C-alpha atoms as a PDB file:
ATOM      1  CA  MET A   1      23.789  10.805  -1.531  1.00  0.00           C
ATOM      2  CA  SER A   2      23.229  11.180  -5.464  1.00  0.00           C
ATOM      3  CA  ALA A   3      19.820  12.072  -6.974  1.00  0.00           C
ATOM      4  CA  TYR A   4      19.172   8.917  -8.434  1.00  0.00           C
ATOM      5  CA  LEU A   5      19.391   6.977  -4.916  1.00  0.00           C
ATOM      6  CA  VAL A   6      17.483   9.734  -3.042  1.00  0.00           C
ATOM      7  CA  THR A   7      14.539   8.950  -5.573  1.00  0.00           C
ATOM      8  CA  LEU A   8      14.942   5.370  -5.371  1.00  0.00           C
ATOM      9  CA  VAL A   9      14.795   5.098  -1.486  1.00  0.00           C
ATOM     10  CA  ILE A  10      11.631   7.491  -2.047  1.00  0.00           C
ATOM     11  CA  LEU A  11      10.057   5.344  -4.411  1.00  0.00           C
ATOM     12  CA  VAL A  12      10.996   2.202  -2.309  1.00  0.00           C
ATOM     13  CA  SER A  13       9.440   3.993   0.786  1.00  0.00           C
ATOM     14  CA  VAL A  14       6.172   4.659  -0.757  1.00  0.00           C
ATOM     15  CA  ALA A  15       5.827   1.045  -1.966  1.00  0.00           C
ATOM     16  CA  ALA A  16       6.688   0.111   1.296  1.00  0.00           C
ATOM     17  CA  LEU A  17       3.736   1.711   2.690  1.00  0.00           C
ATOM     18  CA  VAL A  18       1.471   0.412  -0.025  1.00  0.00           C
ATOM     19  CA  GLY A  19       2.511  -2.932   0.618  1.00  0.00           C
ATOM     20  CA  LEU A  20       2.231  -2.609   4.463  1.00  0.00           C
ATOM     21  CA  ALA A  21      -1.294  -1.588   4.126  1.00  0.00           C
ATOM     22  CA  LEU A  22      -2.083  -4.369   1.616  1.00  0.00           C
ATOM     23  CA  ASN A  23      -0.460  -6.751   3.996  1.00  0.00           C
ATOM     24  CA  LEU A  24      -2.790  -6.004   6.930  1.00  0.00           C
ATOM     25  CA  GLN A  25      -5.885  -6.191   4.688  1.00  0.00           C
ATOM     26  CA  TRP A  26      -4.941  -9.100   2.410  1.00  0.00           C
ATOM     27  CA  GLY A  27      -1.983 -10.980   4.283  1.00  0.00           C
ATOM     28  CA  LEU A  28      -3.498 -10.275   7.932  1.00  0.00           C
ATOM     29  CA  ALA A  29      -7.154 -10.161   7.441  1.00  0.00           C
ATOM     30  CA  GLY A  30      -7.612 -12.132   4.308  1.00  0.00           C
ATOM     31  CA  LEU A  31      -9.437  -9.336   2.690  1.00  0.00           C
ATOM     32  CA  VAL A  32      -8.435  -8.916  -1.162  1.00  0.00           C
ATOM     33  CA  ASN A  33      -8.302  -5.155  -2.288  1.00  0.00           C
ATOM     34  CA  PHE A  34      -8.124  -4.797  -5.907  1.00  0.00           C
ATOM     35  CA  GLY A  35      -8.291  -0.760  -5.565  1.00  0.00           C
ATOM     36  CA  VAL A  36      -5.082  -0.258  -4.040  1.00  0.00           C
ATOM     37  CA  SER A  37      -4.471   2.629  -6.721  1.00  0.00           C
ATOM     38  CA  GLY A  38      -7.706   4.353  -5.897  1.00  0.00           C
ATOM     39  CA  PHE A  39      -6.829   4.565  -2.408  1.00  0.00           C
ATOM     40  CA  VAL A  40      -3.109   5.815  -3.361  1.00  0.00           C
ATOM     41  CA  ALA A  41      -4.659   8.446  -5.717  1.00  0.00           C
ATOM     42  CA  LEU A  42      -6.720   9.835  -3.178  1.00  0.00           C
ATOM     43  CA  GLY A  43      -4.151   9.983  -0.626  1.00  0.00           C
ATOM     44  CA  ALA A  44      -2.334  12.010  -3.096  1.00  0.00           C
ATOM     45  CA  TYR A  45      -4.855  14.138  -4.531  1.00  0.00           C
ATOM     46  CA  GLY A  46      -6.198  14.697  -0.842  1.00  0.00           C
ATOM     47  CA  VAL A  47      -3.019  16.764   0.053  1.00  0.00           C
ATOM     48  CA  ALA A  48      -2.345  18.119  -3.441  1.00  0.00           C
ATOM     49  CA  ILE A  49      -5.904  20.126  -2.836  1.00  0.00           C
ATOM     50  CA  THR A  50      -5.722  20.781   0.528  1.00  0.00           C
ATOM     51  CA  ALA A  51      -2.252  21.430   1.634  1.00  0.00           C
ATOM     52  CA  PRO A  52      -1.867  24.742   0.114  1.00  0.00           C
ATOM     53  CA  HIS A  53      -4.967  26.062   2.009  1.00  0.00           C
ATOM     54  CA  ILE A  54      -4.302  24.220   5.501  1.00  0.00           C
ATOM     55  CA  GLY A  55      -0.942  23.096   5.745  1.00  0.00           C
ATOM     56  CA  TRP A  56       0.533  19.838   4.877  1.00  0.00           C
ATOM     57  CA  LEU A  57       0.433  18.010   8.219  1.00  0.00           C
ATOM     58  CA  PRO A  58      -3.488  18.674   8.380  1.00  0.00           C
ATOM     59  CA  ALA A  59      -3.728  18.060   4.547  1.00  0.00           C
ATOM     60  CA  MET A  60      -1.948  14.366   5.556  1.00  0.00           C
ATOM     61  CA  ILE A  61      -4.221  13.542   8.423  1.00  0.00           C
ATOM     62  CA  PHE A  62      -7.211  14.603   6.263  1.00  0.00           C
ATOM     63  CA  SER A  63      -6.187  12.398   3.458  1.00  0.00           C
ATOM     64  CA  ALA A  64      -5.476   9.238   5.422  1.00  0.00           C
ATOM     65  CA  LEU A  65      -8.896   9.855   7.422  1.00  0.00           C
ATOM     66  CA  LEU A  66     -10.787  10.250   3.967  1.00  0.00           C
ATOM     67  CA  CYS A  67      -9.115   6.759   2.668  1.00  0.00           C
ATOM     68  CA  ALA A  68      -9.989   4.976   5.924  1.00  0.00           C
ATOM     69  CA  ALA A  69     -13.362   6.334   5.903  1.00  0.00           C
ATOM     70  CA  ILE A  70     -13.961   5.331   2.265  1.00  0.00           C
ATOM     71  CA  SER A  71     -12.214   1.938   3.282  1.00  0.00           C
ATOM     72  CA  MET A  72     -14.815   1.420   6.265  1.00  0.00           C
ATOM     73  CA  ALA A  73     -18.032   2.502   4.062  1.00  0.00           C
ATOM     74  CA  LEU A  74     -16.838  -0.487   1.103  1.00  0.00           C
ATOM     75  CA  ALA A  75     -15.955  -2.903   3.622  1.00  0.00           C
ATOM     76  CA  LEU A  76     -19.239  -2.466   5.188  1.00  0.00           C
ATOM     77  CA  LEU A  77     -21.098  -2.355   2.283  1.00  0.00           C
ATOM     78  CA  SER A  78     -19.638  -5.745   0.522  1.00  0.00           C
ATOM     79  CA  ILE A  79     -18.301  -7.924   3.598  1.00  0.00           C
ATOM     80  CA  ARG A  80     -21.997  -8.162   5.079  1.00  0.00           C
ATOM     81  CA  LEU A  81     -22.778  -9.842   1.893  1.00  0.00           C
ATOM     82  CA  GLU A  82     -20.056 -12.091   1.299  1.00  0.00           C
ATOM     83  CA  GLU A  83     -16.091 -11.860   1.291  1.00  0.00           C
ATOM     84  CA  ASN A  84     -15.566 -12.029  -2.676  1.00  0.00           C
ATOM     85  CA  TYR A  85     -17.913  -9.014  -2.763  1.00  0.00           C
ATOM     86  CA  LEU A  86     -15.221  -6.775  -1.682  1.00  0.00           C
ATOM     87  CA  ALA A  87     -12.752  -7.769  -4.356  1.00  0.00           C
ATOM     88  CA  ILE A  88     -15.298  -6.598  -6.808  1.00  0.00           C
ATOM     89  CA  VAL A  89     -16.564  -3.604  -5.309  1.00  0.00           C
ATOM     90  CA  THR A  90     -12.515  -2.505  -5.091  1.00  0.00           C
ATOM     91  CA  ILE A  91     -12.241  -2.983  -8.837  1.00  0.00           C
ATOM     92  CA  GLY A  92     -15.128  -0.715  -9.517  1.00  0.00           C
ATOM     93  CA  PHE A  93     -13.881   1.646  -6.818  1.00  0.00           C
ATOM     94  CA  GLY A  94     -10.431   2.266  -8.543  1.00  0.00           C
ATOM     95  CA  GLU A  95     -11.792   2.715 -11.818  1.00  0.00           C
ATOM     96  CA  ILE A  96     -14.444   5.151 -10.705  1.00  0.00           C
ATOM     97  CA  VAL A  97     -11.525   7.469  -8.801  1.00  0.00           C
ATOM     98  CA  ARG A  98      -9.816   7.311 -12.296  1.00  0.00           C
ATOM     99  CA  ILE A  99     -12.479   8.532 -13.987  1.00  0.00           C
ATOM    100  CA  LEU A 100     -13.363  11.132 -11.475  1.00  0.00           C
ATOM    101  CA  LEU A 101      -9.857  12.547 -11.399  1.00  0.00           C
ATOM    102  CA  LEU A 102      -9.522  12.444 -15.199  1.00  0.00           C
ATOM    103  CA  ASN A 103     -13.400  14.501 -15.671  1.00  0.00           C
ATOM    104  CA  GLU A 104     -13.735  16.644 -12.794  1.00  0.00           C
ATOM    105  CA  GLY A 105     -11.158  19.161 -13.780  1.00  0.00           C
ATOM    106  CA  TRP A 106     -12.523  22.057 -11.525  1.00  0.00           C
ATOM    107  CA  LEU A 107     -11.163  20.087  -8.638  1.00  0.00           C
ATOM    108  CA  THR A 108      -8.542  17.521  -9.569  1.00  0.00           C
ATOM    109  CA  GLY A 109      -7.100  19.614 -12.741  1.00  0.00           C
ATOM    110  CA  GLY A 110      -8.169  16.753 -15.027  1.00  0.00           C
ATOM    111  CA  ALA A 111      -5.843  15.322 -17.401  1.00  0.00           C
ATOM    112  CA  LEU A 112      -3.265  17.806 -16.521  1.00  0.00           C
ATOM    113  CA  GLY A 113      -2.819  17.523 -12.993  1.00  0.00           C
ATOM    114  CA  ILE A 114      -2.332  19.596 -10.004  1.00  0.00           C
ATOM    115  CA  ALA A 115       1.266  21.364  -9.616  1.00  0.00           C
ATOM    116  CA  ASP A 116       3.165  23.350  -6.819  1.00  0.00           C
ATOM    117  CA  ILE A 117       2.018  20.793  -3.936  1.00  0.00           C
ATOM    118  CA  PRO A 118       3.830  21.980  -0.823  1.00  0.00           C
ATOM    119  CA  ARG A 119       6.453  19.677   0.861  1.00  0.00           C
ATOM    120  CA  PRO A 120       6.805  19.083   4.483  1.00  0.00           C
ATOM    121  CA  PHE A 121       9.117  21.498   6.208  1.00  0.00           C
ATOM    122  CA  ALA A 122       9.452  23.795   3.309  1.00  0.00           C
ATOM    123  CA  ALA A 123       9.375  26.654   5.409  1.00  0.00           C
ATOM    124  CA  ILE A 124      13.004  25.570   7.074  1.00  0.00           C
ATOM    125  CA  THR A 125      14.157  23.518   4.501  1.00  0.00           C
ATOM    126  CA  PRO A 126      17.709  25.434   3.330  1.00  0.00           C
ATOM    127  CA  PRO A 127      17.863  26.237  -0.305  1.00  0.00           C
ATOM    128  CA  GLY A 128      19.158  22.898  -1.889  1.00  0.00           C
ATOM    129  CA  GLY A 129      18.297  20.781   0.770  1.00  0.00           C
ATOM    130  CA  GLY A 130      14.501  19.895  -0.380  1.00  0.00           C
ATOM    131  CA  ASP A 131      15.442  16.222  -1.682  1.00  0.00           C
ATOM    132  CA  GLY A 132      17.245  15.469   1.633  1.00  0.00           C
ATOM    133  CA  VAL A 133      14.190  16.392   3.973  1.00  0.00           C
ATOM    134  CA  ILE A 134      11.848  14.408   2.225  1.00  0.00           C
ATOM    135  CA  LEU A 135      14.299  11.496   2.209  1.00  0.00           C
ATOM    136  CA  ALA A 136      14.518  11.761   5.795  1.00  0.00           C
ATOM    137  CA  PHE A 137      10.792  12.265   6.053  1.00  0.00           C
ATOM    138  CA  ALA A 138       9.888   9.251   4.093  1.00  0.00           C
ATOM    139  CA  ILE A 139      12.037   7.051   6.053  1.00  0.00           C
ATOM    140  CA  ALA A 140      10.946   8.315   9.172  1.00  0.00           C
ATOM    141  CA  LEU A 141       7.263   7.852   7.844  1.00  0.00           C
ATOM    142  CA  VAL A 142       7.841   4.078   6.786  1.00  0.00           C
ATOM    143  CA  ALA A 143       9.815   3.389  10.362  1.00  0.00           C
ATOM    144  CA  LEU A 144       6.819   4.964  12.201  1.00  0.00           C
ATOM    145  CA  VAL A 145       3.980   3.043  10.016  1.00  0.00           C
ATOM    146  CA  PHE A 146       5.980  -0.352  10.516  1.00  0.00           C
ATOM    147  CA  VAL A 147       6.447  -0.022  14.016  1.00  0.00           C
ATOM    148  CA  LEU A 148       2.909   0.817  14.813  1.00  0.00           C
ATOM    149  CA  LEU A 149       1.779  -2.091  12.229  1.00  0.00           C
ATOM    150  CA  GLU A 150       3.979  -4.693  14.198  1.00  0.00           C
ATOM    151  CA  LEU A 151       2.593  -3.203  17.589  1.00  0.00           C
ATOM    152  CA  LEU A 152      -1.037  -4.163  16.145  1.00  0.00           C
ATOM    153  CA  VAL A 153       0.012  -7.443  14.598  1.00  0.00           C
ATOM    154  CA  ARG A 154       1.507  -8.664  18.227  1.00  0.00           C
ATOM    155  CA  SER A 155      -1.572  -7.379  19.948  1.00  0.00           C
ATOM    156  CA  PRO A 156      -4.809  -9.481  20.622  1.00  0.00           C
ATOM    157  CA  PHE A 157      -6.494  -7.568  17.726  1.00  0.00           C
ATOM    158  CA  GLY A 158      -3.700  -8.958  15.329  1.00  0.00           C
ATOM    159  CA  ARG A 159      -3.725 -12.402  16.727  1.00  0.00           C
ATOM    160  CA  VAL A 160      -7.538 -12.624  16.687  1.00  0.00           C
ATOM    161  CA  LEU A 161      -7.540 -11.075  12.919  1.00  0.00           C
ATOM    162  CA  ARG A 162      -5.391 -13.843  11.879  1.00  0.00           C
ATOM    163  CA  ALA A 163      -7.617 -16.362  13.409  1.00  0.00           C
ATOM    164  CA  VAL A 164     -10.559 -14.857  11.588  1.00  0.00           C
ATOM    165  CA  ARG A 165      -8.366 -14.966   8.398  1.00  0.00           C
ATOM    166  CA  ASP A 166      -7.805 -18.507   8.828  1.00  0.00           C
ATOM    167  CA  ASP A 167     -11.290 -19.483  10.067  1.00  0.00           C
ATOM    168  CA  ALA A 168     -13.991 -16.930  10.570  1.00  0.00           C
ATOM    169  CA  THR A 169     -16.508 -19.620  11.160  1.00  0.00           C
ATOM    170  CA  VAL A 170     -14.522 -20.904  14.167  1.00  0.00           C
ATOM    171  CA  ALA A 171     -13.649 -17.368  15.250  1.00  0.00           C
ATOM    172  CA  SER A 172     -17.509 -16.198  15.200  1.00  0.00           C
ATOM    173  CA  ALA A 173     -18.425 -19.084  17.105  1.00  0.00           C
ATOM    174  CA  LEU A 174     -16.007 -18.318  19.912  1.00  0.00           C
ATOM    175  CA  GLY A 175     -17.665 -15.171  20.052  1.00  0.00           C
ATOM    176  CA  LYS A 176     -15.240 -12.762  17.985  1.00  0.00           C
ATOM    177  CA  PRO A 177     -17.201  -9.778  16.204  1.00  0.00           C
ATOM    178  CA  VAL A 178     -15.985 -10.808  12.581  1.00  0.00           C
ATOM    179  CA  LEU A 179     -17.170  -8.089  10.940  1.00  0.00           C
ATOM    180  CA  ALA A 180     -15.929  -5.440  13.275  1.00  0.00           C
ATOM    181  CA  LEU A 181     -12.522  -6.693  13.167  1.00  0.00           C
ATOM    182  CA  ARG A 182     -12.212  -7.015   8.862  1.00  0.00           C
ATOM    183  CA  VAL A 183     -13.597  -3.217   8.814  1.00  0.00           C
ATOM    184  CA  ARG A 184     -11.129  -2.267  11.127  1.00  0.00           C
ATOM    185  CA  ALA A 185      -8.392  -3.583   9.693  1.00  0.00           C
ATOM    186  CA  PHE A 186      -9.517  -2.652   6.169  1.00  0.00           C
ATOM    187  CA  ALA A 187     -10.081   0.732   7.323  1.00  0.00           C
ATOM    188  CA  VAL A 188      -6.612   0.820   8.951  1.00  0.00           C
ATOM    189  CA  GLY A 189      -5.041  -0.340   5.824  1.00  0.00           C
ATOM    190  CA  GLY A 190      -6.915   2.209   3.425  1.00  0.00           C
ATOM    191  CA  ALA A 191      -5.529   5.214   5.839  1.00  0.00           C
ATOM    192  CA  VAL A 192      -1.743   3.987   5.149  1.00  0.00           C
ATOM    193  CA  MET A 193      -2.521   3.682   1.714  1.00  0.00           C
ATOM    194  CA  GLY A 194      -3.628   7.368   1.807  1.00  0.00           C
ATOM    195  CA  LEU A 195      -0.131   8.231   3.361  1.00  0.00           C
ATOM    196  CA  ALA A 196       1.537   6.430   0.751  1.00  0.00           C
ATOM    197  CA  GLY A 197      -0.115   8.908  -1.822  1.00  0.00           C
ATOM    198  CA  ALA A 198       0.568  12.045   0.240  1.00  0.00           C
ATOM    199  CA  LEU A 199       4.170  11.071   0.438  1.00  0.00           C
ATOM    200  CA  HIS A 200       4.415  10.323  -3.433  1.00  0.00           C
ATOM    201  CA  ALA A 201       2.655  13.762  -3.947  1.00  0.00           C
ATOM    202  CA  PHE A 202       4.883  15.463  -1.686  1.00  0.00           C
ATOM    203  CA  TYR A 203       8.182  14.034  -3.251  1.00  0.00           C
ATOM    204  CA  LEU A 204       7.246  14.803  -6.595  1.00  0.00           C
ATOM    205  CA  THR A 205       5.358  18.033  -6.092  1.00  0.00           C
ATOM    206  CA  TYR A 206       3.285  17.482  -9.113  1.00  0.00           C
ATOM    207  CA  ILE A 207       0.260  14.651  -9.807  1.00  0.00           C
ATOM    208  CA  ASP A 208      -2.043  13.489 -12.565  1.00  0.00           C
ATOM    209  CA  PRO A 209      -4.360  10.622 -13.328  1.00  0.00           C
ATOM    210  CA  SER A 210      -1.677   8.746 -15.353  1.00  0.00           C
ATOM    211  CA  GLN A 211       0.287   7.927 -12.101  1.00  0.00           C
ATOM    212  CA  PHE A 212      -2.186   5.840 -10.618  1.00  0.00           C
ATOM    213  CA  THR A 213      -2.876   2.887 -12.649  1.00  0.00           C
ATOM    214  CA  PRO A 214      -4.096  -0.330 -11.686  1.00  0.00           C
ATOM    215  CA  ILE A 215      -0.497  -1.357 -11.676  1.00  0.00           C
ATOM    216  CA  ILE A 216       0.170  -0.268  -8.548  1.00  0.00           C
ATOM    217  CA  THR A 217      -2.252  -2.617  -7.314  1.00  0.00           C
ATOM    218  CA  ALA A 218      -0.190  -5.565  -9.256  1.00  0.00           C
ATOM    219  CA  TYR A 219       3.026  -4.331  -7.794  1.00  0.00           C
ATOM    220  CA  ALA A 220       1.617  -4.173  -4.222  1.00  0.00           C
ATOM    221  CA  PHE A 221       0.389  -7.725  -4.037  1.00  0.00           C
ATOM    222  CA  MET A 222       3.880  -8.963  -5.845  1.00  0.00           C
ATOM    223  CA  ALA A 223       5.667  -7.385  -3.071  1.00  0.00           C
ATOM    224  CA  VAL A 224       3.208  -8.953  -0.620  1.00  0.00           C
ATOM    225  CA  ILE A 225       4.071 -12.343  -2.035  1.00  0.00           C
ATOM    226  CA  ALA A 226       7.384 -12.147  -2.530  1.00  0.00           C
ATOM    227  CA  GLY A 227       8.163 -10.686   1.080  1.00  0.00           C
ATOM    228  CA  GLY A 228       5.805 -13.248   2.923  1.00  0.00           C
ATOM    229  CA  ARG A 229       2.282 -13.095   3.081  1.00  0.00           C
ATOM    230  CA  GLY A 230       1.303 -11.786   6.741  1.00  0.00           C
ATOM    231  CA  SER A 231       4.944 -10.611   7.409  1.00  0.00           C
ATOM    232  CA  ASN A 232       5.868  -6.770   7.725  1.00  0.00           C
ATOM    233  CA  LEU A 233       9.494  -7.130   7.724  1.00  0.00           C
ATOM    234  CA  GLY A 234       9.167  -9.813   4.740  1.00  0.00           C
ATOM    235  CA  LEU A 235       6.922  -7.047   2.841  1.00  0.00           C
ATOM    236  CA  LEU A 236      10.136  -4.665   3.246  1.00  0.00           C
ATOM    237  CA  LEU A 237      12.179  -6.808   1.664  1.00  0.00           C
ATOM    238  CA  GLY A 238       9.667  -7.944  -1.167  1.00  0.00           C
ATOM    239  CA  ALA A 239       8.668  -4.092  -1.951  1.00  0.00           C
ATOM    240  CA  GLY A 240      12.753  -3.368  -2.147  1.00  0.00           C
ATOM    241  CA  SER A 241      13.338  -6.668  -4.362  1.00  0.00           C
ATOM    242  CA  ILE A 242      10.288  -5.706  -6.475  1.00  0.00           C
ATOM    243  CA  MET A 243      11.474  -2.294  -7.062  1.00  0.00           C
ATOM    244  CA  ALA A 244      15.204  -3.529  -7.580  1.00  0.00           C
ATOM    245  CA  LEU A 245      13.882  -5.336 -10.292  1.00  0.00           C
ATOM    246  CA  LEU A 246      12.004  -2.660 -12.036  1.00  0.00           C
ATOM    247  CA  GLU A 247      14.988   0.049 -11.651  1.00  0.00           C
ATOM    248  CA  ALA A 248      17.396  -2.912 -12.683  1.00  0.00           C
ATOM    249  CA  THR A 249      14.959  -3.645 -15.905  1.00  0.00           C
ATOM    250  CA  ARG A 250      15.113  -0.230 -16.758  1.00  0.00           C
ATOM    251  CA  PHE A 251      18.698  -0.828 -18.393  1.00  0.00           C
ATOM    252  CA  LEU A 252      17.699  -3.331 -20.895  1.00  0.00           C
ATOM    253  CA  LYS A 253      17.672  -0.680 -23.174  1.00  0.00           C
ATOM    254  CA  ASP A 254      21.160  -0.370 -23.155  1.00  0.00           C
ATOM    255  CA  LEU A 255      21.670  -3.977 -23.862  1.00  0.00           C
ATOM    256  CA  VAL A 256      19.247  -4.181 -26.677  1.00  0.00           C
ATOM    257  CA  PRO A 257      19.045  -1.145 -28.524  1.00  0.00           C
ATOM    258  CA  SER A 258      16.586  -2.249 -31.010  1.00  0.00           C
ATOM    259  CA  ILE A 259      13.562  -2.673 -28.674  1.00  0.00           C
ATOM    260  CA  ASP A 260      10.896   0.005 -28.700  1.00  0.00           C
ATOM    261  CA  GLY A 261       9.031   1.382 -25.498  1.00  0.00           C
ATOM    262  CA  ALA A 262       6.065  -0.798 -25.571  1.00  0.00           C
ATOM    263  CA  GLN A 263       8.319  -3.782 -25.825  1.00  0.00           C
ATOM    264  CA  LEU A 264      10.555  -2.845 -23.061  1.00  0.00           C
ATOM    265  CA  SER A 265       7.647  -2.469 -20.869  1.00  0.00           C
ATOM    266  CA  ALA A 266       6.386  -5.908 -21.387  1.00  0.00           C
ATOM    267  CA  LEU A 267       9.830  -7.489 -21.240  1.00  0.00           C
ATOM    268  CA  ARG A 268      10.110  -5.820 -17.984  1.00  0.00           C
ATOM    269  CA  LEU A 269       6.680  -6.633 -16.413  1.00  0.00           C
ATOM    270  CA  GLY A 270       7.852 -10.460 -18.158  1.00  0.00           C
ATOM    271  CA  MET A 271      11.279 -10.596 -16.009  1.00  0.00           C
ATOM    272  CA  ILE A 272       9.485  -9.185 -12.877  1.00  0.00           C
ATOM    273  CA  GLY A 273       6.776 -12.249 -13.306  1.00  0.00           C
ATOM    274  CA  ILE A 274       9.341 -14.990 -13.911  1.00  0.00           C
ATOM    275  CA  GLY A 275      11.230 -13.692 -10.792  1.00  0.00           C
ATOM    276  CA  ILE A 276       8.132 -14.100  -8.602  1.00  0.00           C
ATOM    277  CA  VAL A 277       7.597 -17.529 -10.229  1.00  0.00           C
ATOM    278  CA  LEU A 278      10.989 -18.640  -9.317  1.00  0.00           C
ATOM    279  CA  LEU A 279      10.709 -17.119  -5.664  1.00  0.00           C
ATOM    280  CA  LEU A 280       7.228 -19.069  -5.471  1.00  0.00           C
ATOM    281  CA  ILE A 281       8.853 -22.309  -6.508  1.00  0.00           C
ATOM    282  CA  LEU A 282      12.308 -21.730  -4.332  1.00  0.00           C
ATOM    283  CA  ARG A 283      10.680 -20.299  -1.398  1.00  0.00           C
ATOM    284  CA  PRO A 284       6.542 -20.723  -1.325  1.00  0.00           C
ATOM    285  CA  GLN A 285       6.247 -19.003   2.047  1.00  0.00           C
ATOM    286  CA  GLY A 286       8.251 -15.975   0.813  1.00  0.00           C
ATOM    287  CA  LEU A 287      11.321 -14.224   1.603  1.00  0.00           C
ATOM    288  CA  VAL A 288      10.263 -13.846   5.475  1.00  0.00           C
ATOM    289  CA  ALA A 289       7.701 -16.742   6.427  1.00  0.00           C
ATOM    290  CA  GLU A 290       5.071 -15.829   8.984  1.00  0.00           C
ATOM    291  CA  PRO A 291       5.506 -17.313  12.339  1.00  0.00           C
ATOM    292  CA  ARG A 292       3.435 -20.071  13.520  1.00  0.00           C
ATOM    293  CA  ARG A 293       1.629 -19.506  16.826  1.00  0.00           C
ATOM    294  CA  ARG A 294      -0.331 -21.742  18.726  1.00  0.00           C
ATOM    295  CA  ALA A 295      -4.019 -21.775  18.820  1.00  0.00           C
ATOM    296  CA  THR A 296      -4.339 -20.452  22.487  1.00  0.00           C
ATOM    297  CA  GLU A 297      -2.371 -17.365  21.573  1.00  0.00           C
ATOM    298  CA  PHE A 298      -5.680 -16.509  19.274  1.00  0.00           C
ATOM    299  CA  PHE A 299      -8.042 -17.609  21.641  1.00  0.00           C
ATOM    300  CA  PRO A 300      -6.553 -17.618  25.301  1.00  0.00           C
ATOM    301  CA  ASN A 301      -9.820 -19.004  26.809  1.00  0.00           C
ATOM    302  CA  ALA A 302     -10.236 -21.946  24.603  1.00  0.00           C
ATOM    303  CA  LYS A 303      -8.373 -25.168  26.223  1.00  0.00           C
ATOM    304  CA  GLY A 304      -7.646 -28.194  24.717  1.00  0.00           C
ATOM    305  CA  GLU A 305      -9.188 -31.639  26.322  1.00  0.00           C
ATOM    306  CA  GLY A 306      -7.522 -35.158  25.782  1.00  0.00           C
END
């Protein structure tokens, strides 16, 4: 496989992990997270700082747990007041993370970033085989997260979480712990975003704050919308579609040589936006619609009368 295809598959893998996390938080639980880039950055910097000292696997676990803990704290602080506050809080969180990464150079390297991040299985990787190993690792990680989230979605927890998303008042009236369910979902999503950041750092072996801009959040929402909100399989297709559009529009420079970098960037985003709008018109439910379920699947003890 060519180096370009390896890079593309790994980038799609990172995007898929971010999208799966957001699909759990927003698609399944109905919790808006505008700080996706902040959680991905924390995951990346978590492994970049700790992996040289404790090894790549403990560093990856640490990053996931760190993001989960911060997600839980943000959710507890904001959801208890009102759902919309979470969206506002996560916007602020993303900016705080970006500013800290830039200014706390003693820890993060500041604008220069962190280099020489050790890759998984580096000690047993043959010379020249690093990209192949990280490619296999990325695919395996996405497959593992996908299967675990599918099991979660199909479990009683996932079914009740859907009901909470659709009508929290009814779920609460039936005795479901609405706040606890939402906090758990947001924490699990945060952990997966941390894993996405870790994979990003492992592949590049160098990170800096410029890699974690708010556009990551926008792409994640695009992937969820394109794939179908609430559908993990659709999310994978949506993430692949968004990355394919991003890569395809890179070659616009060859078609229009007179265009400069800023214009090219704006044109690419515009074309992706048009693609999303067309998809919403032609298939509003996304590429893979969320399956409809009976109310008794959400609340087995609820029986209709009539």
